[in-house]
Full PDB file with SEQRES, HELIX, SHEET, SSBOND, CRYST1, ORIGX, SCALE, CONECT and MASTER records, all heavy atoms in Angstrom:
SEQRES   1 A   41  TRP ASP GLU THR VAL GLN ALA TYR GLU ARG SER PHE GLY          
SEQRES   2 A   41  THR LEU CYS ALA GLY THR VAL ASP ARG LEU LEU GLY ASP          
SEQRES   3 A   41  LEU PRO ALA GLY MET LEU LEU ASP VAL GLY CYS GLY THR          
SEQRES   4 A   41  GLY GLY                                                      
HELIX    1 AA1 ASP A    2  ARG A   10  1                                   9    
HELIX    2 AA2 PHE A   12  CYS A   16  1                                   5    
HELIX    3 AA3 ALA A   17  THR A   19  5                                   3    
HELIX    4 AA4 VAL A   20  ASP A   26  1                                   7    
CRYST1    1.000    1.000    1.000  90.00  90.00  90.00 P 1           1          
ORIGX1      1.000000  0.000000  0.000000        0.00000                         
ORIGX2      0.000000  1.000000  0.000000        0.00000                         
ORIGX3      0.000000  0.000000  1.000000        0.00000                         
SCALE1      1.000000  0.000000  0.000000        0.00000                         
SCALE2      0.000000  1.000000  0.000000        0.00000                         
SCALE3      0.000000  0.000000  1.000000        0.00000                         
ATOM      1  N   TRP A   1       0.864  -1.247  -0.114  1.00  0.00           N  
ATOM      2  CA  TRP A   1      -0.079   0.049   0.062  1.00  0.00           C  
ATOM      3  C   TRP A   1       0.987   1.251  -0.006  1.00  0.00           C  
ATOM      4  O   TRP A   1       0.478   2.309  -0.581  1.00  0.00           O  
ATOM      5  CB  TRP A   1      -0.942  -0.084   1.161  1.00  0.00           C  
ATOM      6  CG  TRP A   1      -2.255  -0.633   0.898  1.00  0.00           C  
ATOM      7  CD1 TRP A   1      -2.769  -1.774   1.289  1.00  0.00           C  
ATOM      8  CD2 TRP A   1      -3.328  -0.071   0.050  1.00  0.00           C  
ATOM      9  NE1 TRP A   1      -4.030  -2.047   0.719  1.00  0.00           N  
ATOM     10  CE2 TRP A   1      -4.305  -0.950  -0.100  1.00  0.00           C  
ATOM     11  CE3 TRP A   1      -3.316   1.216  -0.717  1.00  0.00           C  
ATOM     12  CZ2 TRP A   1      -5.513  -0.638  -0.745  1.00  0.00           C  
ATOM     13  CZ3 TRP A   1      -4.593   1.329  -1.453  1.00  0.00           C  
ATOM     14  CH2 TRP A   1      -5.596   0.473  -1.470  1.00  0.00           C  
ATOM     15  N   ASP A   2       1.994   1.184   0.706  1.00  0.00           N  
ATOM     16  CA  ASP A   2       2.838   2.384   0.692  1.00  0.00           C  
ATOM     17  C   ASP A   2       3.351   2.553  -0.731  1.00  0.00           C  
ATOM     18  O   ASP A   2       3.397   3.924  -1.150  1.00  0.00           O  
ATOM     19  CB  ASP A   2       4.142   2.159   1.624  1.00  0.00           C  
ATOM     20  CG  ASP A   2       3.606   2.341   3.096  1.00  0.00           C  
ATOM     21  OD1 ASP A   2       2.647   2.896   3.307  1.00  0.00           O  
ATOM     22  OD2 ASP A   2       4.419   1.775   3.916  1.00  0.00           O  
ATOM     23  N   GLU A   3       3.675   1.599  -1.457  1.00  0.00           N  
ATOM     24  CA  GLU A   3       4.130   1.866  -2.893  1.00  0.00           C  
ATOM     25  C   GLU A   3       2.981   2.393  -3.781  1.00  0.00           C  
ATOM     26  O   GLU A   3       3.269   3.158  -4.526  1.00  0.00           O  
ATOM     27  CB  GLU A   3       4.620   0.470  -3.452  1.00  0.00           C  
ATOM     28  CG  GLU A   3       5.964  -0.058  -2.846  1.00  0.00           C  
ATOM     29  CD  GLU A   3       6.294  -1.479  -3.222  1.00  0.00           C  
ATOM     30  OE1 GLU A   3       5.376  -2.228  -3.588  1.00  0.00           O  
ATOM     31  OE2 GLU A   3       7.405  -1.756  -3.142  1.00  0.00           O  
ATOM     32  N   THR A   4       1.766   1.865  -3.481  1.00  0.00           N  
ATOM     33  CA  THR A   4       0.647   2.308  -4.225  1.00  0.00           C  
ATOM     34  C   THR A   4       0.279   3.794  -3.950  1.00  0.00           C  
ATOM     35  O   THR A   4       0.107   4.561  -4.859  1.00  0.00           O  
ATOM     36  CB  THR A   4      -0.625   1.562  -3.878  1.00  0.00           C  
ATOM     37  OG1 THR A   4      -0.416   0.053  -4.209  1.00  0.00           O  
ATOM     38  CG2 THR A   4      -1.787   1.979  -4.598  1.00  0.00           C  
ATOM     39  N   VAL A   5       0.471   4.186  -2.713  1.00  0.00           N  
ATOM     40  CA  VAL A   5       0.162   5.621  -2.358  1.00  0.00           C  
ATOM     41  C   VAL A   5       1.418   6.439  -3.129  1.00  0.00           C  
ATOM     42  O   VAL A   5       0.962   7.571  -3.805  1.00  0.00           O  
ATOM     43  CB  VAL A   5       0.362   5.823  -0.794  1.00  0.00           C  
ATOM     44  CG1 VAL A   5       0.570   7.303  -0.446  1.00  0.00           C  
ATOM     45  CG2 VAL A   5      -0.712   5.257  -0.151  1.00  0.00           C  
ATOM     46  N   GLN A   6       2.640   6.084  -3.166  1.00  0.00           N  
ATOM     47  CA  GLN A   6       3.650   6.811  -3.807  1.00  0.00           C  
ATOM     48  C   GLN A   6       3.361   6.838  -5.331  1.00  0.00           C  
ATOM     49  O   GLN A   6       3.403   7.788  -6.033  1.00  0.00           O  
ATOM     50  CB  GLN A   6       5.062   6.191  -3.536  1.00  0.00           C  
ATOM     51  CG  GLN A   6       5.439   6.350  -2.189  1.00  0.00           C  
ATOM     52  CD  GLN A   6       6.599   5.572  -1.914  1.00  0.00           C  
ATOM     53  OE1 GLN A   6       7.336   5.101  -2.717  1.00  0.00           O  
ATOM     54  NE2 GLN A   6       6.961   5.399  -0.528  1.00  0.00           N  
ATOM     55  N   ALA A   7       2.872   5.755  -5.861  1.00  0.00           N  
ATOM     56  CA  ALA A   7       2.589   5.564  -7.323  1.00  0.00           C  
ATOM     57  C   ALA A   7       1.396   6.462  -7.708  1.00  0.00           C  
ATOM     58  O   ALA A   7       1.392   7.163  -8.759  1.00  0.00           O  
ATOM     59  CB  ALA A   7       2.335   4.151  -7.637  1.00  0.00           C  
ATOM     60  N   TYR A   8       0.424   6.496  -6.880  1.00  0.00           N  
ATOM     61  CA  TYR A   8      -0.744   7.378  -7.041  1.00  0.00           C  
ATOM     62  C   TYR A   8      -0.360   8.889  -7.109  1.00  0.00           C  
ATOM     63  O   TYR A   8      -0.764   9.647  -8.051  1.00  0.00           O  
ATOM     64  CB  TYR A   8      -1.802   7.181  -6.035  1.00  0.00           C  
ATOM     65  CG  TYR A   8      -2.908   8.145  -6.103  1.00  0.00           C  
ATOM     66  CD1 TYR A   8      -3.936   8.105  -6.962  1.00  0.00           C  
ATOM     67  CD2 TYR A   8      -2.919   9.294  -5.188  1.00  0.00           C  
ATOM     68  CE1 TYR A   8      -4.958   9.028  -7.002  1.00  0.00           C  
ATOM     69  CE2 TYR A   8      -3.963  10.255  -5.211  1.00  0.00           C  
ATOM     70  CZ  TYR A   8      -4.844  10.092  -6.074  1.00  0.00           C  
ATOM     71  OH  TYR A   8      -5.900  11.058  -6.220  1.00  0.00           O  
ATOM     72  N   GLU A   9       0.423   9.289  -6.139  1.00  0.00           N  
ATOM     73  CA  GLU A   9       0.848  10.677  -6.065  1.00  0.00           C  
ATOM     74  C   GLU A   9       1.664  11.010  -7.240  1.00  0.00           C  
ATOM     75  O   GLU A   9       1.520  12.181  -7.650  1.00  0.00           O  
ATOM     76  CB  GLU A   9       1.671  10.804  -4.771  1.00  0.00           C  
ATOM     77  CG  GLU A   9       1.733  12.319  -4.273  1.00  0.00           C  
ATOM     78  CD  GLU A   9       2.303  12.303  -2.871  1.00  0.00           C  
ATOM     79  OE1 GLU A   9       3.069  11.522  -2.469  1.00  0.00           O  
ATOM     80  OE2 GLU A   9       2.009  13.278  -2.146  1.00  0.00           O  
ATOM     81  N   ARG A  10       2.399  10.160  -7.766  1.00  0.00           N  
ATOM     82  CA  ARG A  10       3.265  10.475  -9.045  1.00  0.00           C  
ATOM     83  C   ARG A  10       2.584  10.535 -10.124  1.00  0.00           C  
ATOM     84  O   ARG A  10       2.915  11.212 -11.225  1.00  0.00           O  
ATOM     85  CB  ARG A  10       4.411   9.428  -8.984  1.00  0.00           C  
ATOM     86  CG  ARG A  10       5.402   9.601 -10.148  1.00  0.00           C  
ATOM     87  CD  ARG A  10       6.499   8.563 -10.002  1.00  0.00           C  
ATOM     88  NE  ARG A  10       7.317   8.532 -11.285  1.00  0.00           N  
ATOM     89  CZ  ARG A  10       8.347   7.627 -11.483  1.00  0.00           C  
ATOM     90  NH1 ARG A  10       8.514   6.780 -10.550  1.00  0.00           N  
ATOM     91  NH2 ARG A  10       8.986   7.794 -12.601  1.00  0.00           N  
ATOM     92  N   SER A  11       1.392   9.722 -10.331  1.00  0.00           N  
ATOM     93  CA  SER A  11       0.717   9.571 -11.592  1.00  0.00           C  
ATOM     94  C   SER A  11      -0.674  10.076 -11.513  1.00  0.00           C  
ATOM     95  O   SER A  11      -0.861  11.189 -11.826  1.00  0.00           O  
ATOM     96  CB  SER A  11       0.742   7.946 -11.893  1.00  0.00           C  
ATOM     97  OG  SER A  11       0.057   7.233 -10.861  1.00  0.00           O  
ATOM     98  N   PHE A  12      -1.663   9.217 -11.164  1.00  0.00           N  
ATOM     99  CA  PHE A  12      -3.084   9.574 -11.324  1.00  0.00           C  
ATOM    100  C   PHE A  12      -3.497  10.575 -10.369  1.00  0.00           C  
ATOM    101  O   PHE A  12      -4.448  11.270 -10.620  1.00  0.00           O  
ATOM    102  CB  PHE A  12      -3.976   8.374 -11.245  1.00  0.00           C  
ATOM    103  CG  PHE A  12      -3.659   7.365 -12.511  1.00  0.00           C  
ATOM    104  CD1 PHE A  12      -2.977   6.258 -12.285  1.00  0.00           C  
ATOM    105  CD2 PHE A  12      -4.284   7.716 -13.701  1.00  0.00           C  
ATOM    106  CE1 PHE A  12      -2.778   5.289 -13.322  1.00  0.00           C  
ATOM    107  CE2 PHE A  12      -4.015   6.793 -14.746  1.00  0.00           C  
ATOM    108  CZ  PHE A  12      -3.290   5.713 -14.507  1.00  0.00           C  
ATOM    109  N   GLY A  13      -2.810  10.809  -9.333  1.00  0.00           N  
ATOM    110  CA  GLY A  13      -2.977  11.963  -8.428  1.00  0.00           C  
ATOM    111  C   GLY A  13      -2.891  13.342  -9.129  1.00  0.00           C  
ATOM    112  O   GLY A  13      -3.685  14.247  -8.870  1.00  0.00           O  
ATOM    113  N   THR A  14      -1.996  13.371 -10.077  1.00  0.00           N  
ATOM    114  CA  THR A  14      -1.855  14.727 -10.799  1.00  0.00           C  
ATOM    115  C   THR A  14      -2.993  14.766 -11.699  1.00  0.00           C  
ATOM    116  O   THR A  14      -3.382  15.913 -12.143  1.00  0.00           O  
ATOM    117  CB  THR A  14      -0.489  14.697 -11.594  1.00  0.00           C  
ATOM    118  OG1 THR A  14      -0.498  13.703 -12.615  1.00  0.00           O  
ATOM    119  CG2 THR A  14       0.697  14.546 -10.599  1.00  0.00           C  
ATOM    120  N   LEU A  15      -3.645  13.731 -12.235  1.00  0.00           N  
ATOM    121  CA  LEU A  15      -4.820  13.845 -13.047  1.00  0.00           C  
ATOM    122  C   LEU A  15      -6.066  14.336 -12.310  1.00  0.00           C  
ATOM    123  O   LEU A  15      -6.743  15.265 -12.677  1.00  0.00           O  
ATOM    124  CB  LEU A  15      -5.142  12.463 -13.552  1.00  0.00           C  
ATOM    125  CG  LEU A  15      -6.433  12.242 -14.464  1.00  0.00           C  
ATOM    126  CD1 LEU A  15      -6.442  13.233 -15.603  1.00  0.00           C  
ATOM    127  CD2 LEU A  15      -6.651  10.845 -14.872  1.00  0.00           C  
ATOM    128  N   CYS A  16      -6.202  13.803 -11.129  1.00  0.00           N  
ATOM    129  CA  CYS A  16      -7.360  14.136 -10.324  1.00  0.00           C  
ATOM    130  C   CYS A  16      -7.164  15.608  -9.753  1.00  0.00           C  
ATOM    131  O   CYS A  16      -8.200  16.247  -9.475  1.00  0.00           O  
ATOM    132  CB  CYS A  16      -7.376  13.196  -9.030  1.00  0.00           C  
ATOM    133  SG  CYS A  16      -7.860  11.583  -9.510  1.00  0.00           S  
ATOM    134  N   ALA A  17      -6.004  16.179  -9.794  1.00  0.00           N  
ATOM    135  CA  ALA A  17      -5.780  17.499  -9.323  1.00  0.00           C  
ATOM    136  C   ALA A  17      -6.264  18.590 -10.347  1.00  0.00           C  
ATOM    137  O   ALA A  17      -6.520  19.669 -10.018  1.00  0.00           O  
ATOM    138  CB  ALA A  17      -4.299  17.843  -9.103  1.00  0.00           C  
ATOM    139  N   GLY A  18      -6.761  17.999 -11.567  1.00  0.00           N  
ATOM    140  CA  GLY A  18      -7.105  18.962 -12.589  1.00  0.00           C  
ATOM    141  C   GLY A  18      -8.440  19.668 -12.374  1.00  0.00           C  
ATOM    142  O   GLY A  18      -8.737  20.641 -13.050  1.00  0.00           O  
ATOM    143  N   THR A  19      -9.215  19.154 -11.373  1.00  0.00           N  
ATOM    144  CA  THR A  19     -10.450  19.848 -11.006  1.00  0.00           C  
ATOM    145  C   THR A  19     -10.434  20.636  -9.800  1.00  0.00           C  
ATOM    146  O   THR A  19     -11.456  21.090  -9.338  1.00  0.00           O  
ATOM    147  CB  THR A  19     -11.552  18.722 -10.931  1.00  0.00           C  
ATOM    148  OG1 THR A  19     -11.052  17.680  -9.938  1.00  0.00           O  
ATOM    149  CG2 THR A  19     -11.801  17.964 -12.307  1.00  0.00           C  
ATOM    150  N   VAL A  20      -9.329  20.549  -9.082  1.00  0.00           N  
ATOM    151  CA  VAL A  20      -9.244  21.271  -7.679  1.00  0.00           C  
ATOM    152  C   VAL A  20      -9.542  22.747  -7.671  1.00  0.00           C  
ATOM    153  O   VAL A  20     -10.269  23.189  -6.786  1.00  0.00           O  
ATOM    154  CB  VAL A  20      -7.876  20.831  -7.103  1.00  0.00           C  
ATOM    155  CG1 VAL A  20      -7.566  21.768  -5.914  1.00  0.00           C  
ATOM    156  CG2 VAL A  20      -7.766  19.427  -6.658  1.00  0.00           C  
ATOM    157  N   ASP A  21      -8.977  23.352  -8.688  1.00  0.00           N  
ATOM    158  CA  ASP A  21      -9.263  24.888  -8.666  1.00  0.00           C  
ATOM    159  C   ASP A  21     -10.713  25.278  -8.841  1.00  0.00           C  
ATOM    160  O   ASP A  21     -11.180  26.208  -8.199  1.00  0.00           O  
ATOM    161  CB  ASP A  21      -8.374  25.596  -9.732  1.00  0.00           C  
ATOM    162  CG  ASP A  21      -6.964  25.586  -9.514  1.00  0.00           C  
ATOM    163  OD1 ASP A  21      -6.576  25.429  -8.332  1.00  0.00           O  
ATOM    164  OD2 ASP A  21      -6.191  25.735 -10.486  1.00  0.00           O  
ATOM    165  N   ARG A  22     -11.398  24.371  -9.817  1.00  0.00           N  
ATOM    166  CA  ARG A  22     -12.861  24.632  -9.852  1.00  0.00           C  
ATOM    167  C   ARG A  22     -13.633  24.396  -8.690  1.00  0.00           C  
ATOM    168  O   ARG A  22     -14.512  25.223  -8.329  1.00  0.00           O  
ATOM    169  CB  ARG A  22     -13.374  23.878 -11.210  1.00  0.00           C  
ATOM    170  CG  ARG A  22     -14.859  24.058 -11.356  1.00  0.00           C  
ATOM    171  CD  ARG A  22     -15.189  25.422 -11.635  1.00  0.00           C  
ATOM    172  NE  ARG A  22     -16.572  25.633 -11.840  1.00  0.00           N  
ATOM    173  CZ  ARG A  22     -17.370  25.532 -12.986  1.00  0.00           C  
ATOM    174  NH1 ARG A  22     -16.739  25.202 -14.100  1.00  0.00           N  
ATOM    175  NH2 ARG A  22     -18.557  25.666 -12.931  1.00  0.00           N  
ATOM    176  N   LEU A  23     -13.180  23.287  -8.107  1.00  0.00           N  
ATOM    177  CA  LEU A  23     -14.111  23.025  -6.846  1.00  0.00           C  
ATOM    178  C   LEU A  23     -13.863  24.002  -5.783  1.00  0.00           C  
ATOM    179  O   LEU A  23     -14.781  24.509  -5.230  1.00  0.00           O  
ATOM    180  CB  LEU A  23     -13.520  21.585  -6.263  1.00  0.00           C  
ATOM    181  CG  LEU A  23     -14.038  20.338  -7.028  1.00  0.00           C  
ATOM    182  CD1 LEU A  23     -13.184  19.118  -6.601  1.00  0.00           C  
ATOM    183  CD2 LEU A  23     -15.414  20.004  -6.609  1.00  0.00           C  
ATOM    184  N   LEU A  24     -12.679  24.310  -5.468  1.00  0.00           N  
ATOM    185  CA  LEU A  24     -12.429  25.376  -4.525  1.00  0.00           C  
ATOM    186  C   LEU A  24     -12.975  26.675  -4.782  1.00  0.00           C  
ATOM    187  O   LEU A  24     -13.343  27.442  -3.811  1.00  0.00           O  
ATOM    188  CB  LEU A  24     -10.862  25.438  -4.084  1.00  0.00           C  
ATOM    189  CG  LEU A  24     -10.369  24.181  -3.367  1.00  0.00           C  
ATOM    190  CD1 LEU A  24      -8.836  24.222  -3.147  1.00  0.00           C  
ATOM    191  CD2 LEU A  24     -11.088  23.781  -2.245  1.00  0.00           C  
ATOM    192  N   GLY A  25     -12.871  27.024  -6.034  1.00  0.00           N  
ATOM    193  CA  GLY A  25     -13.356  28.342  -6.436  1.00  0.00           C  
ATOM    194  C   GLY A  25     -14.879  28.435  -6.275  1.00  0.00           C  
ATOM    195  O   GLY A  25     -15.432  29.466  -6.075  1.00  0.00           O  
ATOM    196  N   ASP A  26     -15.659  27.367  -6.466  1.00  0.00           N  
ATOM    197  CA  ASP A  26     -17.133  27.321  -6.368  1.00  0.00           C  
ATOM    198  C   ASP A  26     -17.644  27.003  -4.819  1.00  0.00           C  
ATOM    199  O   ASP A  26     -18.881  27.280  -4.556  1.00  0.00           O  
ATOM    200  CB  ASP A  26     -17.776  26.191  -7.125  1.00  0.00           C  
ATOM    201  CG  ASP A  26     -17.715  26.530  -8.568  1.00  0.00           C  
ATOM    202  OD1 ASP A  26     -17.392  27.726  -8.960  1.00  0.00           O  
ATOM    203  OD2 ASP A  26     -17.989  25.712  -9.533  1.00  0.00           O  
ATOM    204  N   LEU A  27     -16.826  26.622  -4.002  1.00  0.00           N  
ATOM    205  CA  LEU A  27     -17.229  26.250  -2.574  1.00  0.00           C  
ATOM    206  C   LEU A  27     -17.062  27.486  -1.603  1.00  0.00           C  
ATOM    207  O   LEU A  27     -15.974  28.205  -1.872  1.00  0.00           O  
ATOM    208  CB  LEU A  27     -16.373  25.037  -2.128  1.00  0.00           C  
ATOM    209  CG  LEU A  27     -16.783  23.714  -2.868  1.00  0.00           C  
ATOM    210  CD1 LEU A  27     -15.901  22.665  -2.220  1.00  0.00           C  
ATOM    211  CD2 LEU A  27     -18.262  23.466  -2.616  1.00  0.00           C  
ATOM    212  N   PRO A  28     -17.966  27.650  -0.790  1.00  0.00           N  
ATOM    213  CA  PRO A  28     -17.808  28.815   0.130  1.00  0.00           C  
ATOM    214  C   PRO A  28     -16.598  28.799   1.109  1.00  0.00           C  
ATOM    215  O   PRO A  28     -16.087  27.666   1.350  1.00  0.00           O  
ATOM    216  CB  PRO A  28     -19.154  28.869   0.827  1.00  0.00           C  
ATOM    217  CG  PRO A  28     -19.657  27.379   0.883  1.00  0.00           C  
ATOM    218  CD  PRO A  28     -19.078  26.769  -0.416  1.00  0.00           C  
ATOM    219  N   ALA A  29     -16.311  29.810   1.684  1.00  0.00           N  
ATOM    220  CA  ALA A  29     -15.375  29.845   2.845  1.00  0.00           C  
ATOM    221  C   ALA A  29     -15.897  29.339   4.011  1.00  0.00           C  
ATOM    222  O   ALA A  29     -17.145  28.986   4.159  1.00  0.00           O  
ATOM    223  CB  ALA A  29     -14.960  31.360   3.193  1.00  0.00           C  
ATOM    224  N   GLY A  30     -15.025  29.069   5.078  1.00  0.00           N  
ATOM    225  CA  GLY A  30     -15.495  28.379   6.237  1.00  0.00           C  
ATOM    226  C   GLY A  30     -14.911  27.000   6.378  1.00  0.00           C  
ATOM    227  O   GLY A  30     -13.926  26.619   5.758  1.00  0.00           O  
ATOM    228  N   MET A  31     -15.462  26.135   7.132  1.00  0.00           N  
ATOM    229  CA  MET A  31     -15.055  24.781   7.353  1.00  0.00           C  
ATOM    230  C   MET A  31     -15.319  23.851   6.175  1.00  0.00           C  
ATOM    231  O   MET A  31     -16.395  23.865   5.773  1.00  0.00           O  
ATOM    232  CB  MET A  31     -15.645  24.194   8.587  1.00  0.00           C  
ATOM    233  CG  MET A  31     -15.279  22.736   8.949  1.00  0.00           C  
ATOM    234  SD  MET A  31     -13.564  22.538   9.169  1.00  0.00           S  
ATOM    235  CE  MET A  31     -13.390  23.269  10.842  1.00  0.00           C  
ATOM    236  N   LEU A  32     -14.204  23.382   5.616  1.00  0.00           N  
ATOM    237  CA  LEU A  32     -14.326  22.397   4.529  1.00  0.00           C  
ATOM    238  C   LEU A  32     -14.066  21.030   4.927  1.00  0.00           C  
ATOM    239  O   LEU A  32     -13.107  20.703   5.508  1.00  0.00           O  
ATOM    240  CB  LEU A  32     -13.275  22.909   3.345  1.00  0.00           C  
ATOM    241  CG  LEU A  32     -13.216  21.966   2.183  1.00  0.00           C  
ATOM    242  CD1 LEU A  32     -14.321  22.115   1.305  1.00  0.00           C  
ATOM    243  CD2 LEU A  32     -11.837  22.241   1.465  1.00  0.00           C  
ATOM    244  N   LEU A  33     -14.850  20.126   4.451  1.00  0.00           N  
ATOM    245  CA  LEU A  33     -14.681  18.747   4.375  1.00  0.00           C  
ATOM    246  C   LEU A  33     -14.255  18.143   3.105  1.00  0.00           C  
ATOM    247  O   LEU A  33     -14.789  18.286   2.074  1.00  0.00           O  
ATOM    248  CB  LEU A  33     -15.976  17.928   4.869  1.00  0.00           C  
ATOM    249  CG  LEU A  33     -15.934  16.530   4.855  1.00  0.00           C  
ATOM    250  CD1 LEU A  33     -14.925  15.878   5.851  1.00  0.00           C  
ATOM    251  CD2 LEU A  33     -17.317  15.938   5.181  1.00  0.00           C  
ATOM    252  N   ASP A  34     -13.104  17.484   3.129  1.00  0.00           N  
ATOM    253  CA  ASP A  34     -12.542  16.841   1.907  1.00  0.00           C  
ATOM    254  C   ASP A  34     -12.629  15.368   2.061  1.00  0.00           C  
ATOM    255  O   ASP A  34     -11.938  14.673   2.934  1.00  0.00           O  
ATOM    256  CB  ASP A  34     -10.996  17.250   1.664  1.00  0.00           C  
ATOM    257  CG  ASP A  34     -10.475  16.621   0.430  1.00  0.00           C  
ATOM    258  OD1 ASP A  34     -11.153  16.100  -0.358  1.00  0.00           O  
ATOM    259  OD2 ASP A  34      -9.219  16.666   0.426  1.00  0.00           O  
ATOM    260  N   VAL A  35     -13.708  14.780   1.465  1.00  0.00           N  
ATOM    261  CA  VAL A  35     -14.005  13.365   1.608  1.00  0.00           C  
ATOM    262  C   VAL A  35     -13.224  12.554   0.527  1.00  0.00           C  
ATOM    263  O   VAL A  35     -13.120  12.986  -0.633  1.00  0.00           O  
ATOM    264  CB  VAL A  35     -15.444  13.049   1.455  1.00  0.00           C  
ATOM    265  CG1 VAL A  35     -16.260  13.491   2.780  1.00  0.00           C  
ATOM    266  CG2 VAL A  35     -16.076  13.609   0.252  1.00  0.00           C  
ATOM    267  N   GLY A  36     -12.609  11.494   0.938  1.00  0.00           N  
ATOM    268  CA  GLY A  36     -11.642  10.698   0.076  1.00  0.00           C  
ATOM    269  C   GLY A  36     -10.502  11.621  -0.453  1.00  0.00           C  
ATOM    270  O   GLY A  36     -10.146  11.795  -1.544  1.00  0.00           O  
ATOM    271  N   CYS A  37      -9.746  12.049   0.668  1.00  0.00           N  
ATOM    272  CA  CYS A  37      -8.810  13.137   0.455  1.00  0.00           C  
ATOM    273  C   CYS A  37      -7.593  12.631  -0.247  1.00  0.00           C  
ATOM    274  O   CYS A  37      -6.768  13.505  -0.644  1.00  0.00           O  
ATOM    275  CB  CYS A  37      -8.414  13.816   1.756  1.00  0.00           C  
ATOM    276  SG  CYS A  37      -7.591  12.710   2.933  1.00  0.00           S  
ATOM    277  N   GLY A  38      -7.338  11.227  -0.332  1.00  0.00           N  
ATOM    278  CA  GLY A  38      -6.233  10.850  -0.902  1.00  0.00           C  
ATOM    279  C   GLY A  38      -4.919  11.271  -0.280  1.00  0.00           C  
ATOM    280  O   GLY A  38      -4.948  11.206   0.901  1.00  0.00           O  
ATOM    281  N   THR A  39      -3.984  11.823  -0.946  1.00  0.00           N  
ATOM    282  CA  THR A  39      -2.703  12.176  -0.408  1.00  0.00           C  
ATOM    283  C   THR A  39      -2.745  13.622   0.130  1.00  0.00           C  
ATOM    284  O   THR A  39      -1.774  14.120   0.589  1.00  0.00           O  
ATOM    285  CB  THR A  39      -1.633  12.107  -1.314  1.00  0.00           C  
ATOM    286  OG1 THR A  39      -1.837  12.719  -2.622  1.00  0.00           O  
ATOM    287  CG2 THR A  39      -1.318  10.582  -1.682  1.00  0.00           C  
ATOM    288  N   GLY A  40      -3.890  14.299  -0.050  1.00  0.00           N  
ATOM    289  CA  GLY A  40      -4.040  15.580   0.672  1.00  0.00           C  
ATOM    290  C   GLY A  40      -3.785  16.819  -0.145  1.00  0.00           C  
ATOM    291  O   GLY A  40      -3.717  17.913   0.521  1.00  0.00           O  
ATOM    292  N   GLY A  41      -3.812  16.719  -1.487  1.00  0.00           N  
ATOM    293  CA  GLY A  41      -3.508  17.782  -2.292  1.00  0.00           C  
ATOM    294  C   GLY A  41      -4.464  18.900  -2.176  1.00  0.00           C  
ATOM    295  O   GLY A  41      -4.245  20.075  -2.080  1.00  0.00           O  
TER     296      GLY A  41                                                      
MASTER        0    0    0    4    0    0    0    6  295    1    0    4          
END                                                                             
């Protein structure tokens, strides 16, 4: 699992990051819950 986490962060984690700016831009300020946070990006 440790190898999988590193592999995800290096590869498909960068793909999933492509929507982060839109998500955070549309969500209000205050307390945010990040469900399925993965490696925390």
